[in-house]
Structure formats: structure tokens, C-alpha cells
Amino acid sequence: MTSRAETTKQKLFDATLRLSASRGLVGLTVDEIAAEAGVAKGTVYYNFGSKDGLVDGLLRYGVGQLADELRAAADDEDPMAVIESQMDNALKFIGQYPGFSQILVSEMWRTPGQWHETLTLLREEVISIVKAQLQRLADAGRLPEGVQIQTAAAGLFGTMLVVALDWQVFGPQRTRAEVLDSVMLLIRGLGR
């Protein structure tokens, strides 16, 4: 059972996602977020200290959820099948939370980003999950000689985000399965 504080935080996260989906984060005010969430302005400050604290918490929460989705796909199956499950789980997650993916993509590569330190830690967490499966492919001799696992993992993570966001913005009529099949054609080109 979730506590009252967790429920309030979730309301604030959801409100921030709704508002930022069309306007981005920069112009949002605490007043707007609180009004959208149906709480008093002081609630934001009480739970997060500031708008920046709220966004930091939102990023941690969202990337934690994404990491959980990726971990859920990682078992002892064939590593390429696990990568496919991870990609599908990422597409499902971003399909459920398109506003979060927009924030993540825009903030992840903005230099210097306000949440750079937080995103660096969160990025490493997700990349390490993807990297483990790529290492399994390499150990099985299924990656071309000389592939840099860290770089390939970062590329796969970027692919997950950008393809999912592209799907949501430019091709929402496509099914998740169609998007997954298209991406896996590219990814399978890496592994033998």
C-alpha cells in the first residue's frame, strides 16, 4: 500500500509530465505544477524543496522504473532474445510515459544540463544493464571483433530512447510490435 506522501509525489510527477509534454521543463512554475496536481504550492516545497528537486526526483523515479523494466527482461535466455525483450520493455515503458521520455531525451544530452550529475548516474545504471547482455554476446563470439562494449551499450540505450520517442511523436499509428521488429533488424546486424 502506498503512503500518502508517495501518492502526493506521484500526483506531482504526473502533473509535471503532463505539463512538460507540450511545453518542456524550463518554463514550468511550481504554481502551475501544484495547480495541475491539485495540491497546494507548499506541497511541492515540502516534498521536494524546489522545482529542481521535483525534477531530480522525477528523473530518478522514471529511470528507476525503466531500469526495472530492463532488468525484468534479463534472465538466462539467449542474450539477443534478452536484448529484444529489453527493447520491447523500453518501448512499452515509453509508450506509457511519453512525457518522461521527452524530458529524458532533452535533458540527457543538453550540455551543460541542470540535472547532468543525476542523469550521469542514472544513465550508467541503465547502460550497465544493457552492457551485461552485450558482454554475453561478445563472450559467445557473437559480436564482431573490436566492438567496444561500453560504446555499443550507450548506442543501444540511445536507440531505445530515440526510437521510442520518434514512434510516439512521428509514428503513433505503428504498433509497438512493428517498431520492435524494425529496430531488431538493425540490432541483429550487430550479433551473429
C-alpha atoms as a PDB file:
ATOM      1  CA  MET A   1       0.000   0.000   0.000  1.00  0.00           C
ATOM      2  CA  THR A   2       1.370   3.385  -0.906  1.00  0.00           C
ATOM      3  CA  SER A   3       1.688   6.061   1.722  1.00  0.00           C
ATOM      4  CA  ARG A   4       0.043   9.450   1.460  1.00  0.00           C
ATOM      5  CA  ALA A   5       3.430  11.065   0.730  1.00  0.00           C
ATOM      6  CA  GLU A   6       4.089   8.609  -2.123  1.00  0.00           C
ATOM      7  CA  THR A   7       0.640   9.286  -3.554  1.00  0.00           C
ATOM      8  CA  THR A   8       1.276  13.037  -3.411  1.00  0.00           C
ATOM      9  CA  LYS A   9       4.671  12.656  -5.056  1.00  0.00           C
ATOM     10  CA  GLN A  10       3.104  10.554  -7.797  1.00  0.00           C
ATOM     11  CA  LYS A  11       0.493  13.275  -8.391  1.00  0.00           C
ATOM     12  CA  LEU A  12       3.265  15.846  -8.702  1.00  0.00           C
ATOM     13  CA  PHE A  13       5.273  13.611 -11.058  1.00  0.00           C
ATOM     14  CA  ASP A  14       2.199  13.015 -13.226  1.00  0.00           C
ATOM     15  CA  ALA A  15       1.346  16.727 -13.315  1.00  0.00           C
ATOM     16  CA  THR A  16       4.915  17.639 -14.276  1.00  0.00           C
ATOM     17  CA  LEU A  17       4.872  15.058 -17.056  1.00  0.00           C
ATOM     18  CA  ARG A  18       1.550  16.294 -18.425  1.00  0.00           C
ATOM     19  CA  LEU A  19       2.650  19.927 -18.441  1.00  0.00           C
ATOM     20  CA  SER A  20       6.154  19.315 -19.747  1.00  0.00           C
ATOM     21  CA  ALA A  21       4.946  17.143 -22.634  1.00  0.00           C
ATOM     22  CA  SER A  22       3.777  20.214 -24.519  1.00  0.00           C
ATOM     23  CA  ARG A  23       5.960  22.946 -23.006  1.00  0.00           C
ATOM     24  CA  GLY A  24       9.170  21.412 -21.741  1.00  0.00           C
ATOM     25  CA  LEU A  25      10.512  21.895 -18.230  1.00  0.00           C
ATOM     26  CA  VAL A  26      12.191  25.263 -18.427  1.00  0.00           C
ATOM     27  CA  GLY A  27       9.095  27.454 -18.404  1.00  0.00           C
ATOM     28  CA  LEU A  28       7.125  25.469 -15.845  1.00  0.00           C
ATOM     29  CA  THR A  29       6.487  27.068 -12.488  1.00  0.00           C
ATOM     30  CA  VAL A  30       5.829  25.465  -9.141  1.00  0.00           C
ATOM     31  CA  ASP A  31       2.423  27.204  -9.132  1.00  0.00           C
ATOM     32  CA  GLU A  32       1.455  25.537 -12.422  1.00  0.00           C
ATOM     33  CA  ILE A  33       2.664  22.112 -11.311  1.00  0.00           C
ATOM     34  CA  ALA A  34       0.823  22.360  -7.987  1.00  0.00           C
ATOM     35  CA  ALA A  35      -2.387  23.526  -9.671  1.00  0.00           C
ATOM     36  CA  GLU A  36      -2.198  20.707 -12.235  1.00  0.00           C
ATOM     37  CA  ALA A  37      -1.651  18.176  -9.424  1.00  0.00           C
ATOM     38  CA  GLY A  38      -4.499  19.636  -7.368  1.00  0.00           C
ATOM     39  CA  VAL A  39      -2.284  20.371  -4.363  1.00  0.00           C
ATOM     40  CA  ALA A  40      -1.079  23.490  -2.594  1.00  0.00           C
ATOM     41  CA  LYS A  41       2.134  25.126  -3.792  1.00  0.00           C
ATOM     42  CA  GLY A  42       3.724  24.414  -0.417  1.00  0.00           C
ATOM     43  CA  THR A  43       3.269  20.694  -1.051  1.00  0.00           C
ATOM     44  CA  VAL A  44       5.906  20.844  -3.789  1.00  0.00           C
ATOM     45  CA  TYR A  45       8.349  22.556  -1.426  1.00  0.00           C
ATOM     46  CA  TYR A  46       7.511  20.213   1.438  1.00  0.00           C
ATOM     47  CA  ASN A  47       8.118  17.071  -0.652  1.00  0.00           C
ATOM     48  CA  PHE A  48      10.978  18.233  -2.884  1.00  0.00           C
ATOM     49  CA  GLY A  49      12.321  21.560  -1.638  1.00  0.00           C
ATOM     50  CA  SER A  50      12.069  23.199  -5.071  1.00  0.00           C
ATOM     51  CA  LYS A  51      11.080  22.671  -8.689  1.00  0.00           C
ATOM     52  CA  ASP A  52      14.615  21.426  -9.332  1.00  0.00           C
ATOM     53  CA  GLY A  53      14.208  18.902  -6.516  1.00  0.00           C
ATOM     54  CA  LEU A  54      10.938  17.760  -8.055  1.00  0.00           C
ATOM     55  CA  VAL A  55      12.540  17.274 -11.487  1.00  0.00           C
ATOM     56  CA  ASP A  56      15.505  15.479  -9.917  1.00  0.00           C
ATOM     57  CA  GLY A  57      13.097  13.146  -8.106  1.00  0.00           C
ATOM     58  CA  LEU A  58      11.096  12.624 -11.292  1.00  0.00           C
ATOM     59  CA  LEU A  59      14.216  11.683 -13.247  1.00  0.00           C
ATOM     60  CA  ARG A  60      15.337   9.257 -10.544  1.00  0.00           C
ATOM     61  CA  TYR A  61      11.884   7.719 -10.316  1.00  0.00           C
ATOM     62  CA  GLY A  62      11.412   7.374 -14.083  1.00  0.00           C
ATOM     63  CA  VAL A  63      14.863   5.994 -14.840  1.00  0.00           C
ATOM     64  CA  GLY A  64      14.480   3.623 -11.889  1.00  0.00           C
ATOM     65  CA  GLN A  65      11.243   2.347 -13.436  1.00  0.00           C
ATOM     66  CA  LEU A  66      12.930   1.980 -16.839  1.00  0.00           C
ATOM     67  CA  ALA A  67      15.864   0.130 -15.256  1.00  0.00           C
ATOM     68  CA  ASP A  68      13.406  -2.221 -13.515  1.00  0.00           C
ATOM     69  CA  GLU A  69      11.759  -2.913 -16.895  1.00  0.00           C
ATOM     70  CA  LEU A  70      15.145  -3.709 -18.444  1.00  0.00           C
ATOM     71  CA  ARG A  71      16.163  -5.932 -15.521  1.00  0.00           C
ATOM     72  CA  ALA A  72      12.858  -7.803 -15.767  1.00  0.00           C
ATOM     73  CA  ALA A  73      13.867  -8.899 -19.275  1.00  0.00           C
ATOM     74  CA  ALA A  74      17.331 -10.093 -18.226  1.00  0.00           C
ATOM     75  CA  ASP A  75      17.397 -13.784 -17.487  1.00  0.00           C
ATOM     76  CA  ASP A  76      19.366 -16.769 -18.720  1.00  0.00           C
ATOM     77  CA  GLU A  77      17.876 -16.769 -22.206  1.00  0.00           C
ATOM     78  CA  ASP A  78      19.878 -16.195 -25.331  1.00  0.00           C
ATOM     79  CA  PRO A  79      21.383 -12.688 -24.908  1.00  0.00           C
ATOM     80  CA  MET A  80      19.914 -11.499 -28.225  1.00  0.00           C
ATOM     81  CA  ALA A  81      16.455 -12.597 -27.035  1.00  0.00           C
ATOM     82  CA  VAL A  82      17.060 -10.690 -23.793  1.00  0.00           C
ATOM     83  CA  ILE A  83      18.074  -7.573 -25.737  1.00  0.00           C
ATOM     84  CA  GLU A  84      14.867  -7.893 -27.756  1.00  0.00           C
ATOM     85  CA  SER A  85      12.834  -8.193 -24.526  1.00  0.00           C
ATOM     86  CA  GLN A  86      14.669  -5.193 -23.092  1.00  0.00           C
ATOM     87  CA  MET A  87      13.909  -3.152 -26.206  1.00  0.00           C
ATOM     88  CA  ASP A  88      10.258  -4.206 -26.074  1.00  0.00           C
ATOM     89  CA  ASN A  89      10.033  -3.311 -22.381  1.00  0.00           C
ATOM     90  CA  ALA A  90      11.625   0.089 -23.093  1.00  0.00           C
ATOM     91  CA  LEU A  91       9.113   0.730 -25.893  1.00  0.00           C
ATOM     92  CA  LYS A  92       6.255  -0.290 -23.591  1.00  0.00           C
ATOM     93  CA  PHE A  93       7.538   1.961 -20.797  1.00  0.00           C
ATOM     94  CA  ILE A  94       7.991   4.967 -23.080  1.00  0.00           C
ATOM     95  CA  GLY A  95       4.605   4.296 -24.664  1.00  0.00           C
ATOM     96  CA  GLN A  96       3.098   4.576 -21.192  1.00  0.00           C
ATOM     97  CA  TYR A  97       5.137   7.656 -20.232  1.00  0.00           C
ATOM     98  CA  PRO A  98       5.844   9.678 -23.396  1.00  0.00           C
ATOM     99  CA  GLY A  99       6.280  12.901 -21.412  1.00  0.00           C
ATOM    100  CA  PHE A 100       9.035  11.308 -19.383  1.00  0.00           C
ATOM    101  CA  SER A 101      10.869  10.147 -22.484  1.00  0.00           C
ATOM    102  CA  GLN A 102      10.737  13.682 -23.887  1.00  0.00           C
ATOM    103  CA  ILE A 103      12.248  15.060 -20.681  1.00  0.00           C
ATOM    104  CA  LEU A 104      14.882  12.352 -20.564  1.00  0.00           C
ATOM    105  CA  VAL A 105      15.975  12.799 -24.182  1.00  0.00           C
ATOM    106  CA  SER A 106      16.046  16.592 -23.984  1.00  0.00           C
ATOM    107  CA  GLU A 107      17.877  16.717 -20.659  1.00  0.00           C
ATOM    108  CA  MET A 108      20.200  13.761 -21.218  1.00  0.00           C
ATOM    109  CA  TRP A 109      22.159  15.395 -23.995  1.00  0.00           C
ATOM    110  CA  ARG A 110      21.778  19.059 -23.109  1.00  0.00           C
ATOM    111  CA  THR A 111      25.188  20.480 -22.279  1.00  0.00           C
ATOM    112  CA  PRO A 112      25.641  21.603 -19.618  1.00  0.00           C
ATOM    113  CA  GLY A 113      22.417  20.242 -18.275  1.00  0.00           C
ATOM    114  CA  GLN A 114      20.970  21.299 -14.975  1.00  0.00           C
ATOM    115  CA  TRP A 115      20.465  17.688 -13.944  1.00  0.00           C
ATOM    116  CA  HIS A 116      23.686  16.403 -15.509  1.00  0.00           C
ATOM    117  CA  GLU A 117      25.028  14.813 -12.315  1.00  0.00           C
ATOM    118  CA  THR A 118      21.804  12.934 -11.620  1.00  0.00           C
ATOM    119  CA  LEU A 119      21.443  11.857 -15.241  1.00  0.00           C
ATOM    120  CA  THR A 120      25.041  10.648 -15.392  1.00  0.00           C
ATOM    121  CA  LEU A 121      24.405   8.253 -12.512  1.00  0.00           C
ATOM    122  CA  LEU A 122      21.071   7.115 -13.904  1.00  0.00           C
ATOM    123  CA  ARG A 123      22.481   6.683 -17.425  1.00  0.00           C
ATOM    124  CA  GLU A 124      25.251   4.465 -16.060  1.00  0.00           C
ATOM    125  CA  GLU A 125      22.717   2.307 -14.228  1.00  0.00           C
ATOM    126  CA  VAL A 126      20.710   1.665 -17.398  1.00  0.00           C
ATOM    127  CA  ILE A 127      23.769   1.237 -19.621  1.00  0.00           C
ATOM    128  CA  SER A 128      25.229  -1.343 -17.238  1.00  0.00           C
ATOM    129  CA  ILE A 129      22.085  -3.470 -17.679  1.00  0.00           C
ATOM    130  CA  VAL A 130      22.348  -3.318 -21.479  1.00  0.00           C
ATOM    131  CA  LYS A 131      26.125  -3.790 -21.332  1.00  0.00           C
ATOM    132  CA  ALA A 132      25.723  -7.085 -19.465  1.00  0.00           C
ATOM    133  CA  GLN A 133      23.765  -8.583 -22.362  1.00  0.00           C
ATOM    134  CA  LEU A 134      26.197  -7.259 -24.965  1.00  0.00           C
ATOM    135  CA  GLN A 135      29.046  -8.778 -22.953  1.00  0.00           C
ATOM    136  CA  ARG A 136      27.225 -12.111 -23.036  1.00  0.00           C
ATOM    137  CA  LEU A 137      27.006 -11.803 -26.842  1.00  0.00           C
ATOM    138  CA  ALA A 138      30.725 -10.986 -27.010  1.00  0.00           C
ATOM    139  CA  ASP A 139      31.610 -13.897 -24.713  1.00  0.00           C
ATOM    140  CA  ALA A 140      29.658 -16.207 -27.032  1.00  0.00           C
ATOM    141  CA  GLY A 141      31.640 -14.901 -30.018  1.00  0.00           C
ATOM    142  CA  ARG A 142      28.536 -13.291 -31.499  1.00  0.00           C
ATOM    143  CA  LEU A 143      29.843  -9.727 -31.828  1.00  0.00           C
ATOM    144  CA  PRO A 144      32.305  -8.576 -34.461  1.00  0.00           C
ATOM    145  CA  GLU A 145      35.929  -8.337 -33.353  1.00  0.00           C
ATOM    146  CA  GLY A 146      36.835  -4.994 -31.834  1.00  0.00           C
ATOM    147  CA  VAL A 147      33.338  -3.868 -30.780  1.00  0.00           C
ATOM    148  CA  GLN A 148      33.642  -1.577 -27.782  1.00  0.00           C
ATOM    149  CA  ILE A 149      31.012  -2.931 -25.383  1.00  0.00           C
ATOM    150  CA  GLN A 150      30.627   0.332 -23.431  1.00  0.00           C
ATOM    151  CA  THR A 151      30.105   2.365 -26.611  1.00  0.00           C
ATOM    152  CA  ALA A 152      27.705  -0.219 -28.059  1.00  0.00           C
ATOM    153  CA  ALA A 153      25.705  -0.229 -24.795  1.00  0.00           C
ATOM    154  CA  ALA A 154      25.459   3.572 -24.856  1.00  0.00           C
ATOM    155  CA  GLY A 155      24.362   3.362 -28.503  1.00  0.00           C
ATOM    156  CA  LEU A 156      21.700   0.798 -27.704  1.00  0.00           C
ATOM    157  CA  PHE A 157      20.412   2.910 -24.818  1.00  0.00           C
ATOM    158  CA  GLY A 158      20.265   5.944 -27.097  1.00  0.00           C
ATOM    159  CA  THR A 159      18.489   3.859 -29.720  1.00  0.00           C
ATOM    160  CA  MET A 160      15.920   2.748 -27.159  1.00  0.00           C
ATOM    161  CA  LEU A 161      15.134   6.336 -26.213  1.00  0.00           C
ATOM    162  CA  VAL A 162      15.211   7.989 -29.611  1.00  0.00           C
ATOM    163  CA  VAL A 163      13.333   5.262 -31.492  1.00  0.00           C
ATOM    164  CA  ALA A 164      10.629   5.127 -28.841  1.00  0.00           C
ATOM    165  CA  LEU A 165      10.252   8.898 -28.822  1.00  0.00           C
ATOM    166  CA  ASP A 166      10.229   9.010 -32.628  1.00  0.00           C
ATOM    167  CA  TRP A 167       7.491   6.370 -32.585  1.00  0.00           C
ATOM    168  CA  GLN A 168       5.389   8.389 -30.138  1.00  0.00           C
ATOM    169  CA  VAL A 169       5.803  11.701 -31.950  1.00  0.00           C
ATOM    170  CA  PHE A 170       6.012  10.786 -35.639  1.00  0.00           C
ATOM    171  CA  GLY A 171       4.529   7.304 -35.987  1.00  0.00           C
ATOM    172  CA  PRO A 172       1.935   6.657 -33.284  1.00  0.00           C
ATOM    173  CA  GLN A 173      -0.174   4.707 -35.783  1.00  0.00           C
ATOM    174  CA  ARG A 174       2.505   1.989 -35.812  1.00  0.00           C
ATOM    175  CA  THR A 175       2.177  -0.797 -33.292  1.00  0.00           C
ATOM    176  CA  ARG A 176       4.838  -1.468 -30.699  1.00  0.00           C
ATOM    177  CA  ALA A 177       5.496  -4.827 -32.386  1.00  0.00           C
ATOM    178  CA  GLU A 178       6.148  -3.103 -35.739  1.00  0.00           C
ATOM    179  CA  VAL A 179       8.589  -0.684 -34.143  1.00  0.00           C
ATOM    180  CA  LEU A 180      10.315  -3.506 -32.267  1.00  0.00           C
ATOM    181  CA  ASP A 181      10.677  -5.592 -35.437  1.00  0.00           C
ATOM    182  CA  SER A 182      12.243  -2.659 -37.307  1.00  0.00           C
ATOM    183  CA  VAL A 183      14.720  -1.929 -34.520  1.00  0.00           C
ATOM    184  CA  MET A 184      15.644  -5.574 -34.054  1.00  0.00           C
ATOM    185  CA  LEU A 185      16.537  -5.852 -37.739  1.00  0.00           C
ATOM    186  CA  LEU A 186      19.217  -3.246 -37.064  1.00  0.00           C
ATOM    187  CA  ILE A 187      20.337  -4.722 -33.749  1.00  0.00           C
ATOM    188  CA  ARG A 188      20.585  -8.267 -35.100  1.00  0.00           C
ATOM    189  CA  GLY A 189      23.062  -6.918 -37.604  1.00  0.00           C
ATOM    190  CA  LEU A 190      25.445  -6.472 -34.645  1.00  0.00           C
ATOM    191  CA  GLY A 191      25.257 -10.020 -33.355  1.00  0.00           C
ATOM    192  CA  ARG A 192      25.734 -13.162 -35.327  1.00  0.00           C
END
